Structure formats: structure tokens, C-alpha cells
């Protein structure tokens, strides 16, 4: 065997070993990417409540309100209520509901707090229940993030980050619903 034959054989062996390592490297890369995306998905815990994916939409210049959306799941044995909140984008936080009455969409503030029953998930989404940030200090722009604190009757306060999506956008994986400008 010549020196050049030895080099080719050793190179082929290294190539073969590298090819066998590729699935393992791919697995670890995929696992890492999944862990990072799960960590940045916006999931929060407060007592027995799981709050997932808080988001909002960009607002036009001059808008005084913005809506906030999320899912709240109660894993506990007793009901809880979202009773108030605050944010660094507006001085007032309210929970509103949209309802159809005689063919007309009507929006009203939820009084007494938003109940989350044991074992249930309440989804705040466009055209339905949603948080309102009233008295915006500046317009929200797609790609922004802002902090808010949700206050629950039993679980207490929890800080969350809202991702701001483009006007009219829906978070990935959601079904388009009734779209109301600014809500």
C-alpha cells in the first residue's frame, strides 16, 4: 500500500464516520431549536394558571387604544378571576367582550373580573374577549414587545411580555376570526 492509498483510505473512513454522526448532530440541533422556541413562546405561570402567548397588533398613528390577546388555562380545583392589570404602554387596562346583539357587534367592559373556571381555558382573541390598553402613550409597531402585569384574584400578579404583530395579523397556528380594527 502506498502513502497515497493510505491517505485515501483514512479520508474515506473519516467521511464515513462523519456521515454516521450527522443524524446525531441533527437530532441535537433540532432538540436545541425546539427548546429555544418553546422558551420564547411566551408561556407564564401564576398559581394554578397557565398564561400562553400574549400578543397584540400594531396600531395606526393617533390610536388611543390597543387590544391584547392570550390564553389562560386554570389547572386548579377552584375558579380564579383576572381582576385587573397594568402595562408600560397605557395608563389603563380593561377586559372587554364582543357580542353580537340583533346582528350588531357590541363591545362592553367585563365587570367583576374575567372568571377562569377549574379545568377550563379562556381565550382572549379578536372578535371575542380581549384586554384593552386604554390611553396609548405611543403607537404600537410590528416587532415591538411590551411588558404588562395581569392581576388575578387568587393567583395574584404575573408579569408577561406582549409580542406586537402587524395590523390585521393572527399569531401562527390560529384560525382567522372576526377582525375588528384595533380590537
N, C-alpha and C. Protein backbone atom coordinates (compact mmCIF):
# COMPACT_ATOMS: atom_id res chain seq x y z
N UNK A 1 0.85 -1.17 0.00
CA UNK A 1 0.00 0.00 0.00
C UNK A 1 0.89 1.23 0.00
N UNK A 2 0.61 2.16 -0.88
CA UNK A 2 1.41 3.38 -0.98
C UNK A 2 0.86 4.42 -0.03
N UNK A 3 1.63 5.49 0.14
CA UNK A 3 1.20 6.61 1.00
C UNK A 3 -0.10 7.22 0.50
N UNK A 4 -0.24 7.32 -0.83
CA UNK A 4 -1.47 7.93 -1.36
C UNK A 4 -2.66 7.01 -1.13
N UNK A 5 -2.46 5.67 -1.21
CA UNK A 5 -3.56 4.74 -0.92
C UNK A 5 -3.99 4.88 0.53
N UNK A 6 -3.04 5.02 1.45
CA UNK A 6 -3.34 5.16 2.88
C UNK A 6 -4.14 6.44 3.14
N UNK A 7 -3.77 7.54 2.46
CA UNK A 7 -4.47 8.81 2.64
C UNK A 7 -5.91 8.69 2.18
N UNK A 8 -6.14 8.03 1.05
CA UNK A 8 -7.50 7.88 0.55
C UNK A 8 -8.33 7.01 1.50
N UNK A 9 -7.74 5.93 2.00
CA UNK A 9 -8.45 5.04 2.89
C UNK A 9 -8.81 5.76 4.19
N UNK A 10 -7.85 6.49 4.77
CA UNK A 10 -8.10 7.21 6.01
C UNK A 10 -9.15 8.30 5.78
N UNK A 11 -9.09 9.00 4.66
CA UNK A 11 -10.07 10.03 4.34
C UNK A 11 -11.45 9.45 4.17
N UNK A 12 -11.55 8.30 3.53
CA UNK A 12 -12.85 7.65 3.34
C UNK A 12 -13.44 7.23 4.67
N UNK A 13 -12.56 6.73 5.57
CA UNK A 13 -13.04 6.32 6.89
C UNK A 13 -13.55 7.52 7.68
N UNK A 14 -12.85 8.64 7.59
CA UNK A 14 -13.30 9.84 8.29
C UNK A 14 -14.62 10.34 7.71
N UNK A 15 -14.77 10.26 6.38
CA UNK A 15 -16.02 10.68 5.75
C UNK A 15 -17.17 9.80 6.22
N UNK A 16 -16.93 8.49 6.27
CA UNK A 16 -17.97 7.55 6.69
C UNK A 16 -18.36 7.81 8.15
N UNK A 17 -17.39 8.05 9.01
CA UNK A 17 -17.69 8.34 10.41
C UNK A 17 -18.47 9.64 10.53
N UNK A 18 -18.10 10.64 9.73
CA UNK A 18 -18.82 11.92 9.75
C UNK A 18 -20.25 11.76 9.29
N UNK A 19 -20.47 10.91 8.29
CA UNK A 19 -21.83 10.68 7.79
C UNK A 19 -22.69 10.01 8.86
N UNK A 20 -22.07 9.11 9.66
CA UNK A 20 -22.83 8.47 10.73
C UNK A 20 -23.13 9.45 11.85
N UNK A 21 -22.32 10.44 12.05
CA UNK A 21 -22.52 11.42 13.12
C UNK A 21 -23.57 12.45 12.74
N UNK A 22 -23.84 12.62 11.44
CA UNK A 22 -24.79 13.65 11.02
C UNK A 22 -26.18 13.49 11.63
N UNK A 23 -26.78 12.28 11.68
CA UNK A 23 -28.10 12.18 12.31
C UNK A 23 -28.08 12.57 13.79
N UNK A 24 -27.01 12.24 14.49
CA UNK A 24 -26.91 12.60 15.90
C UNK A 24 -26.80 14.12 16.04
N UNK A 25 -25.96 14.73 15.22
CA UNK A 25 -25.83 16.19 15.26
C UNK A 25 -27.16 16.85 14.90
N UNK A 26 -27.85 16.31 13.90
CA UNK A 26 -29.15 16.86 13.52
C UNK A 26 -30.14 16.76 14.68
N UNK A 27 -30.16 15.62 15.35
CA UNK A 27 -31.06 15.42 16.48
C UNK A 27 -30.81 16.46 17.57
N UNK A 28 -29.55 16.66 17.95
CA UNK A 28 -29.24 17.62 19.00
C UNK A 28 -29.54 19.05 18.56
N UNK A 29 -29.29 19.36 17.29
CA UNK A 29 -29.60 20.70 16.77
C UNK A 29 -31.12 20.92 16.81
N UNK A 30 -31.89 19.93 16.38
CA UNK A 30 -33.35 20.05 16.38
C UNK A 30 -33.88 20.17 17.81
N UNK A 31 -33.34 19.38 18.74
CA UNK A 31 -33.78 19.44 20.14
C UNK A 31 -33.49 20.81 20.73
N UNK A 32 -32.32 21.36 20.43
CA UNK A 32 -31.95 22.68 20.93
C UNK A 32 -32.89 23.74 20.36
N UNK A 33 -33.17 23.68 19.06
CA UNK A 33 -34.06 24.65 18.43
C UNK A 33 -35.46 24.58 19.03
N UNK A 34 -35.95 23.37 19.29
CA UNK A 34 -37.25 23.21 19.90
C UNK A 34 -37.29 23.80 21.30
N UNK A 35 -36.24 23.58 22.06
CA UNK A 35 -36.18 24.12 23.43
C UNK A 35 -36.16 25.64 23.40
N UNK A 36 -35.40 26.22 22.48
CA UNK A 36 -35.32 27.67 22.38
C UNK A 36 -36.67 28.25 21.96
N UNK A 37 -37.33 27.63 20.96
CA UNK A 37 -38.62 28.17 20.52
C UNK A 37 -39.67 28.02 21.61
N UNK A 38 -39.64 26.94 22.37
CA UNK A 38 -40.61 26.77 23.46
C UNK A 38 -40.37 27.81 24.54
N UNK A 39 -39.11 28.12 24.81
CA UNK A 39 -38.80 29.09 25.85
C UNK A 39 -39.22 30.49 25.43
N UNK A 40 -39.22 30.78 24.13
CA UNK A 40 -39.56 32.12 23.68
C UNK A 40 -41.02 32.22 23.25
N UNK A 41 -41.80 31.17 23.46
CA UNK A 41 -43.19 31.16 23.01
C UNK A 41 -44.09 32.02 23.88
N UNK A 42 -43.64 32.48 25.01
CA UNK A 42 -44.44 33.36 25.85
C UNK A 42 -45.39 32.63 26.75
N UNK A 43 -44.92 31.64 27.49
CA UNK A 43 -45.74 30.92 28.45
C UNK A 43 -45.37 31.36 29.86
N UNK A 44 -46.41 31.60 30.67
CA UNK A 44 -46.21 32.11 32.02
C UNK A 44 -47.07 31.31 32.99
N UNK A 45 -46.67 31.29 34.24
CA UNK A 45 -47.40 30.55 35.28
C UNK A 45 -47.69 31.49 36.44
N UNK A 46 -48.93 31.41 36.95
CA UNK A 46 -49.34 32.17 38.14
C UNK A 46 -50.25 31.26 38.94
N UNK A 47 -49.75 30.74 40.06
CA UNK A 47 -50.54 29.79 40.84
C UNK A 47 -50.90 28.59 39.98
N UNK A 48 -52.19 28.28 39.89
CA UNK A 48 -52.64 27.15 39.07
C UNK A 48 -52.98 27.56 37.64
N UNK A 49 -52.67 28.80 37.28
CA UNK A 49 -52.99 29.30 35.94
C UNK A 49 -51.78 29.24 35.02
N UNK A 50 -52.03 28.85 33.77
CA UNK A 50 -51.03 28.93 32.70
C UNK A 50 -51.50 29.99 31.73
N UNK A 51 -50.65 30.98 31.48
CA UNK A 51 -50.94 32.05 30.53
C UNK A 51 -50.03 31.82 29.34
N UNK A 52 -50.61 31.74 28.15
CA UNK A 52 -49.78 31.45 26.98
C UNK A 52 -49.96 32.48 25.87
N UNK A 53 -48.85 32.77 25.24
CA UNK A 53 -48.75 33.60 24.03
C UNK A 53 -49.47 34.94 24.06
N UNK A 54 -49.16 35.82 25.00
CA UNK A 54 -49.75 37.16 24.94
C UNK A 54 -49.28 37.89 23.68
N UNK A 55 -50.22 38.49 22.96
CA UNK A 55 -49.87 39.23 21.76
C UNK A 55 -50.84 40.38 21.55
N UNK A 56 -50.41 41.31 20.72
CA UNK A 56 -51.22 42.47 20.37
C UNK A 56 -50.97 42.76 18.90
N UNK A 57 -51.67 43.73 18.38
CA UNK A 57 -51.47 44.15 16.99
C UNK A 57 -50.93 45.57 16.95
N UNK A 58 -50.19 45.85 15.89
CA UNK A 58 -49.72 47.21 15.66
C UNK A 58 -50.93 48.13 15.55
N UNK A 59 -50.75 49.38 15.96
CA UNK A 59 -51.85 50.35 15.92
C UNK A 59 -51.49 51.49 14.96
N UNK A 60 -52.51 52.09 14.35
CA UNK A 60 -52.22 53.24 13.48
C UNK A 60 -51.82 54.46 14.30
N UNK A 61 -51.13 55.37 13.66
CA UNK A 61 -50.74 56.61 14.32
C UNK A 61 -52.01 57.32 14.82
N UNK A 62 -51.97 57.80 16.06
CA UNK A 62 -53.11 58.51 16.63
C UNK A 62 -54.09 57.63 17.39
N UNK A 63 -53.92 56.31 17.32
CA UNK A 63 -54.83 55.41 18.04
C UNK A 63 -54.64 55.60 19.54
N UNK A 64 -55.74 55.54 20.28
CA UNK A 64 -55.64 55.71 21.74
C UNK A 64 -55.81 54.40 22.49
N UNK A 65 -56.16 53.33 21.76
CA UNK A 65 -56.35 52.03 22.40
C UNK A 65 -55.67 50.94 21.58
N UNK A 66 -55.35 49.85 22.28
CA UNK A 66 -54.84 48.64 21.63
C UNK A 66 -55.46 47.45 22.35
N UNK A 67 -55.58 46.35 21.66
CA UNK A 67 -56.15 45.15 22.26
C UNK A 67 -55.04 44.14 22.53
N UNK A 68 -55.24 43.33 23.55
CA UNK A 68 -54.30 42.28 23.89
C UNK A 68 -55.00 40.93 23.95
N UNK A 69 -54.29 39.91 23.51
CA UNK A 69 -54.87 38.57 23.41
C UNK A 69 -53.96 37.56 24.09
N UNK A 70 -54.52 36.43 24.52
CA UNK A 70 -53.76 35.36 25.16
C UNK A 70 -54.71 34.22 25.49
N UNK A 71 -54.16 33.13 25.97
CA UNK A 71 -54.95 32.02 26.51
C UNK A 71 -54.61 31.88 27.98
N UNK A 72 -55.64 31.63 28.80
CA UNK A 72 -55.44 31.42 30.24
C UNK A 72 -56.11 30.10 30.60
N UNK A 73 -55.32 29.16 31.10
CA UNK A 73 -55.85 27.84 31.49
C UNK A 73 -55.76 27.71 33.00
N UNK A 74 -56.85 27.24 33.60
CA UNK A 74 -56.90 27.02 35.05
C UNK A 74 -56.73 25.52 35.32
N UNK A 75 -55.58 25.15 35.85
CA UNK A 75 -55.28 23.76 36.18
C UNK A 75 -55.67 23.40 37.62
N UNK A 76 -56.22 24.35 38.36
CA UNK A 76 -56.53 24.14 39.77
C UNK A 76 -57.95 23.67 40.01
N UNK A 77 -58.29 23.42 41.28
CA UNK A 77 -59.62 22.93 41.64
C UNK A 77 -60.64 24.05 41.90
N UNK A 78 -60.18 25.31 41.91
CA UNK A 78 -61.11 26.41 42.21
C UNK A 78 -61.02 27.47 41.10
N UNK A 79 -62.11 28.22 40.89
CA UNK A 79 -62.08 29.27 39.88
C UNK A 79 -61.15 30.41 40.30
N UNK A 80 -60.67 31.14 39.33
CA UNK A 80 -59.90 32.36 39.58
C UNK A 80 -60.44 33.42 38.64
N UNK A 81 -60.05 34.67 38.86
CA UNK A 81 -60.53 35.78 38.04
C UNK A 81 -59.38 36.71 37.69
N UNK A 82 -59.37 37.14 36.44
CA UNK A 82 -58.50 38.23 36.03
C UNK A 82 -59.22 39.51 36.43
N UNK A 83 -58.70 40.19 37.48
CA UNK A 83 -59.44 41.32 38.03
C UNK A 83 -58.89 42.68 37.61
N UNK A 84 -57.62 42.73 37.18
CA UNK A 84 -57.06 44.00 36.72
C UNK A 84 -55.72 43.74 36.04
N UNK A 85 -55.09 44.83 35.66
CA UNK A 85 -53.79 44.72 35.04
C UNK A 85 -53.21 46.11 34.83
N UNK A 86 -51.99 46.12 34.32
CA UNK A 86 -51.32 47.37 34.01
C UNK A 86 -50.30 47.09 32.92
N UNK A 87 -49.83 48.15 32.29
CA UNK A 87 -48.80 47.98 31.25
C UNK A 87 -47.95 49.23 31.18
N UNK A 88 -46.83 49.10 30.48
CA UNK A 88 -46.00 50.29 30.30
C UNK A 88 -46.34 51.03 29.01
N UNK A 89 -47.42 50.61 28.29
CA UNK A 89 -47.80 51.31 27.06
C UNK A 89 -49.04 52.18 27.22
N UNK A 90 -49.79 51.97 28.31
CA UNK A 90 -51.03 52.73 28.53
C UNK A 90 -51.34 52.80 30.02
N UNK A 91 -51.98 53.89 30.46
CA UNK A 91 -52.28 54.03 31.88
C UNK A 91 -53.45 53.16 32.37
N UNK A 92 -54.31 52.68 31.44
CA UNK A 92 -55.46 51.88 31.87
C UNK A 92 -55.49 50.52 31.18
N UNK A 93 -55.89 49.51 31.95
CA UNK A 93 -56.05 48.14 31.48
C UNK A 93 -57.47 47.72 31.79
N UNK A 94 -58.18 47.21 30.78
CA UNK A 94 -59.55 46.74 30.97
C UNK A 94 -59.73 45.44 30.21
N UNK A 95 -60.69 44.62 30.64
CA UNK A 95 -61.07 43.43 29.89
C UNK A 95 -62.42 43.71 29.24
N UNK A 96 -62.51 43.47 27.93
CA UNK A 96 -63.74 43.72 27.19
C UNK A 96 -64.22 42.43 26.53
N UNK A 97 -65.51 42.41 26.20
CA UNK A 97 -66.07 41.32 25.43
C UNK A 97 -66.81 41.88 24.23
N UNK A 98 -66.78 41.12 23.14
CA UNK A 98 -67.54 41.46 21.93
C UNK A 98 -68.70 40.48 21.86
N UNK A 99 -69.88 41.00 21.56
CA UNK A 99 -71.07 40.16 21.40
C UNK A 99 -71.88 40.65 20.22
N UNK A 100 -72.55 39.73 19.59
CA UNK A 100 -73.49 40.08 18.54
C UNK A 100 -74.88 40.22 19.17
N UNK A 101 -75.49 41.38 19.02
CA UNK A 101 -76.84 41.62 19.52
C UNK A 101 -77.67 42.18 18.38
N UNK A 102 -78.68 41.41 17.98
CA UNK A 102 -79.54 41.81 16.86
C UNK A 102 -78.73 42.13 15.62
N UNK A 103 -77.72 41.32 15.37
CA UNK A 103 -76.91 41.50 14.16
C UNK A 103 -75.87 42.60 14.24
N UNK A 104 -75.72 43.20 15.42
CA UNK A 104 -74.76 44.30 15.59
C UNK A 104 -73.69 43.87 16.61
N UNK A 105 -72.42 44.04 16.25
CA UNK A 105 -71.33 43.73 17.17
C UNK A 105 -71.25 44.83 18.22
N UNK A 106 -71.28 44.42 19.49
CA UNK A 106 -71.20 45.38 20.59
C UNK A 106 -70.04 45.00 21.50
N UNK A 107 -69.32 46.01 21.96
CA UNK A 107 -68.21 45.79 22.87
C UNK A 107 -68.55 46.40 24.22
N UNK A 108 -68.31 45.60 25.28
CA UNK A 108 -68.57 46.07 26.64
C UNK A 108 -67.43 45.65 27.55
N UNK A 109 -67.19 46.47 28.56
CA UNK A 109 -66.21 46.12 29.58
C UNK A 109 -66.78 45.00 30.45
N UNK A 110 -65.95 44.01 30.79
CA UNK A 110 -66.35 42.93 31.68
C UNK A 110 -66.25 43.47 33.11
N UNK A 111 -67.36 43.40 33.84
CA UNK A 111 -67.35 43.88 35.22
C UNK A 111 -67.19 42.70 36.17
N UNK A 112 -66.53 42.92 37.28
CA UNK A 112 -66.35 41.87 38.28
C UNK A 112 -65.22 40.91 37.98
N UNK A 113 -64.46 41.15 36.94
CA UNK A 113 -63.34 40.29 36.59
C UNK A 113 -63.75 39.18 35.63
N UNK A 114 -62.78 38.64 34.94
CA UNK A 114 -62.98 37.57 33.98
C UNK A 114 -62.74 36.24 34.67
N UNK A 115 -63.80 35.43 34.81
CA UNK A 115 -63.68 34.15 35.51
C UNK A 115 -63.03 33.09 34.62
N UNK A 116 -62.11 32.34 35.24
CA UNK A 116 -61.48 31.19 34.61
C UNK A 116 -61.83 30.00 35.50
N UNK A 117 -62.76 29.15 35.03
CA UNK A 117 -63.24 28.02 35.83
C UNK A 117 -62.21 26.90 35.87
N UNK A 118 -62.26 26.05 36.91
CA UNK A 118 -61.31 24.94 37.02
C UNK A 118 -61.35 24.04 35.79
N UNK A 119 -60.18 23.69 35.28
CA UNK A 119 -60.08 22.80 34.13
C UNK A 119 -60.40 23.44 32.80
N UNK A 120 -60.72 24.74 32.78
CA UNK A 120 -61.09 25.40 31.53
C UNK A 120 -59.99 26.34 31.05
N UNK A 121 -60.05 26.59 29.74
CA UNK A 121 -59.16 27.56 29.11
C UNK A 121 -60.01 28.69 28.56
N UNK A 122 -59.67 29.91 28.90
CA UNK A 122 -60.34 31.09 28.35
C UNK A 122 -59.38 31.71 27.35
N UNK A 123 -59.88 31.91 26.13
CA UNK A 123 -59.04 32.52 25.10
C UNK A 123 -59.50 33.94 24.84
N UNK A 124 -58.58 34.87 25.02
CA UNK A 124 -58.82 36.26 24.64
C UNK A 124 -58.33 36.37 23.21
N UNK A 125 -59.26 36.71 22.28
CA UNK A 125 -58.94 36.69 20.86
C UNK A 125 -59.75 37.75 20.13
N UNK A 126 -59.33 38.09 18.92
CA UNK A 126 -60.08 39.11 18.16
C UNK A 126 -61.54 38.70 17.98
N UNK A 127 -62.44 39.67 18.14
CA UNK A 127 -63.85 39.43 17.97
C UNK A 127 -64.51 38.76 19.16
N UNK A 128 -63.83 38.69 20.28
CA UNK A 128 -64.33 37.99 21.46
C UNK A 128 -63.84 38.74 22.70
N UNK A 129 -63.51 38.00 23.74
CA UNK A 129 -62.89 38.60 24.93
C UNK A 129 -61.50 39.11 24.55
N UNK A 130 -61.12 40.24 25.12
CA UNK A 130 -59.77 40.77 24.89
C UNK A 130 -59.42 41.80 25.97
N UNK A 131 -58.14 41.99 26.18
CA UNK A 131 -57.67 43.05 27.07
C UNK A 131 -57.62 44.35 26.26
N UNK A 132 -57.88 45.46 26.92
CA UNK A 132 -57.78 46.76 26.26
C UNK A 132 -56.75 47.59 27.01
N UNK A 133 -55.83 48.16 26.25
CA UNK A 133 -54.85 49.09 26.78
C UNK A 133 -55.33 50.47 26.35
N UNK A 134 -55.81 51.24 27.32
CA UNK A 134 -56.51 52.49 27.04
C UNK A 134 -55.60 53.68 27.35
N UNK A 135 -55.53 54.63 26.39
CA UNK A 135 -54.70 55.82 26.55
C UNK A 135 -53.27 55.56 26.12
N UNK A 136 -53.09 54.91 24.97
CA UNK A 136 -51.73 54.58 24.50
C UNK A 136 -50.80 55.78 24.55
N UNK A 137 -49.61 55.55 25.03
CA UNK A 137 -48.59 56.61 25.11
C UNK A 137 -47.96 56.86 23.75
N UNK A 138 -47.93 55.82 22.90
CA UNK A 138 -47.41 55.93 21.53
C UNK A 138 -47.96 54.74 20.74
N UNK A 139 -47.94 54.83 19.42
CA UNK A 139 -48.44 53.70 18.62
C UNK A 139 -47.60 52.44 18.85
N UNK A 140 -48.24 51.28 18.74
CA UNK A 140 -47.52 50.02 18.80
C UNK A 140 -47.09 49.65 17.39
N UNK A 141 -45.86 49.20 17.23
CA UNK A 141 -45.33 48.84 15.92
C UNK A 141 -45.03 47.35 15.86
N UNK A 142 -45.26 46.75 14.69
CA UNK A 142 -44.97 45.33 14.49
C UNK A 142 -43.52 45.06 14.87
N UNK A 143 -43.31 43.99 15.62
CA UNK A 143 -41.97 43.62 16.07
C UNK A 143 -41.65 44.13 17.46
N UNK A 144 -42.45 45.07 17.97
CA UNK A 144 -42.24 45.57 19.33
C UNK A 144 -42.63 44.50 20.34
N UNK A 145 -42.22 44.73 21.55
CA UNK A 145 -42.61 43.92 22.70
C UNK A 145 -42.88 44.89 23.84
N UNK A 146 -43.91 44.61 24.63
CA UNK A 146 -44.13 45.47 25.79
C UNK A 146 -44.51 44.62 26.99
N UNK A 147 -44.25 45.18 28.16
CA UNK A 147 -44.50 44.48 29.42
C UNK A 147 -45.87 44.87 29.98
N UNK A 148 -46.49 43.88 30.60
CA UNK A 148 -47.76 44.12 31.27
C UNK A 148 -47.80 43.24 32.52
N UNK A 149 -48.63 43.62 33.46
CA UNK A 149 -48.86 42.81 34.65
C UNK A 149 -50.34 42.47 34.70
N UNK A 150 -50.62 41.18 34.77
CA UNK A 150 -52.00 40.72 34.92
C UNK A 150 -52.21 40.42 36.41
N UNK A 151 -53.36 40.83 36.95
CA UNK A 151 -53.62 40.60 38.37
C UNK A 151 -54.84 39.69 38.49
N UNK A 152 -54.61 38.55 39.14
CA UNK A 152 -55.66 37.56 39.36
C UNK A 152 -56.09 37.58 40.83
N UNK A 153 -57.36 37.30 41.06
CA UNK A 153 -57.93 37.32 42.40
C UNK A 153 -57.19 36.38 43.35
N UNK A 154 -56.90 35.16 42.92
CA UNK A 154 -56.24 34.17 43.78
C UNK A 154 -54.76 34.01 43.47
N UNK A 155 -54.41 33.95 42.20
CA UNK A 155 -53.02 33.70 41.80
C UNK A 155 -52.14 34.95 41.98
N UNK A 156 -52.77 36.13 42.08
CA UNK A 156 -52.00 37.36 42.27
C UNK A 156 -51.44 37.90 40.97
N UNK A 157 -50.45 38.79 41.06
CA UNK A 157 -49.89 39.43 39.86
C UNK A 157 -48.90 38.53 39.14
N UNK A 158 -48.88 38.65 37.82
CA UNK A 158 -47.89 37.95 37.00
C UNK A 158 -47.47 38.89 35.86
N UNK A 159 -46.16 39.02 35.68
CA UNK A 159 -45.63 39.86 34.59
C UNK A 159 -45.55 39.05 33.31
N UNK A 160 -46.00 39.65 32.21
CA UNK A 160 -45.95 39.00 30.91
C UNK A 160 -45.40 39.97 29.88
N UNK A 161 -44.93 39.45 28.77
CA UNK A 161 -44.48 40.25 27.64
C UNK A 161 -45.43 40.01 26.47
N UNK A 162 -45.93 41.08 25.89
CA UNK A 162 -46.79 41.00 24.72
C UNK A 162 -45.94 41.21 23.47
N UNK A 163 -46.07 40.31 22.49
CA UNK A 163 -45.45 40.48 21.18
C UNK A 163 -46.43 41.27 20.32
N UNK A 164 -45.93 42.27 19.60
CA UNK A 164 -46.79 43.08 18.73
C UNK A 164 -46.63 42.57 17.29
N UNK A 165 -47.76 42.12 16.72
CA UNK A 165 -47.79 41.63 15.34
C UNK A 165 -48.27 42.75 14.43
N UNK A 166 -48.17 42.54 13.14
CA UNK A 166 -48.62 43.53 12.16
C UNK A 166 -50.13 43.74 12.27
N UNK A 167 -50.61 44.89 11.80
CA UNK A 167 -52.04 45.17 11.79
C UNK A 167 -52.76 44.06 11.03
N UNK A 168 -53.84 43.54 11.60
CA UNK A 168 -54.62 42.50 10.95
C UNK A 168 -54.04 41.10 11.05
N UNK A 169 -52.85 40.96 11.63
CA UNK A 169 -52.19 39.66 11.71
C UNK A 169 -52.82 38.78 12.77
N UNK A 170 -52.65 37.49 12.61
CA UNK A 170 -53.03 36.47 13.59
C UNK A 170 -51.76 35.74 13.97
N UNK A 171 -51.65 35.28 15.21
CA UNK A 171 -50.45 34.50 15.55
C UNK A 171 -50.42 33.21 14.74
N UNK A 172 -49.24 32.67 14.47
CA UNK A 172 -49.14 31.45 13.68
C UNK A 172 -49.90 30.34 14.38
N UNK A 173 -50.58 29.53 13.58
CA UNK A 173 -51.32 28.41 14.11
C UNK A 173 -52.74 28.75 14.54
N UNK A 174 -53.17 30.00 14.38
CA UNK A 174 -54.53 30.34 14.79
C UNK A 174 -55.45 30.38 13.58
N UNK A 175 -56.71 30.29 13.86
CA UNK A 175 -57.72 30.37 12.81
C UNK A 175 -58.17 31.82 12.71
N UNK A 176 -58.28 32.35 11.51
CA UNK A 176 -58.77 33.73 11.39
C UNK A 176 -60.20 33.83 11.91
N UNK A 177 -60.47 34.87 12.64
CA UNK A 177 -61.81 35.08 13.19
C UNK A 177 -62.33 36.41 12.73
N UNK A 178 -63.35 36.88 13.41
CA UNK A 178 -63.90 38.17 13.07
C UNK A 178 -62.87 39.23 13.39
N UNK A 179 -62.53 40.05 12.43
CA UNK A 179 -61.49 41.06 12.64
C UNK A 179 -62.15 42.42 12.81
N UNK A 180 -61.80 43.07 13.88
CA UNK A 180 -62.31 44.40 14.16
C UNK A 180 -61.11 45.33 14.26
N UNK A 181 -61.08 46.42 13.54
CA UNK A 181 -59.94 47.32 13.60
C UNK A 181 -59.64 47.75 15.04
N UNK A 182 -58.41 47.55 15.48
CA UNK A 182 -57.99 47.99 16.80
C UNK A 182 -58.41 47.08 17.93
N UNK A 183 -59.08 45.96 17.63
CA UNK A 183 -59.56 45.06 18.68
C UNK A 183 -59.12 43.65 18.41
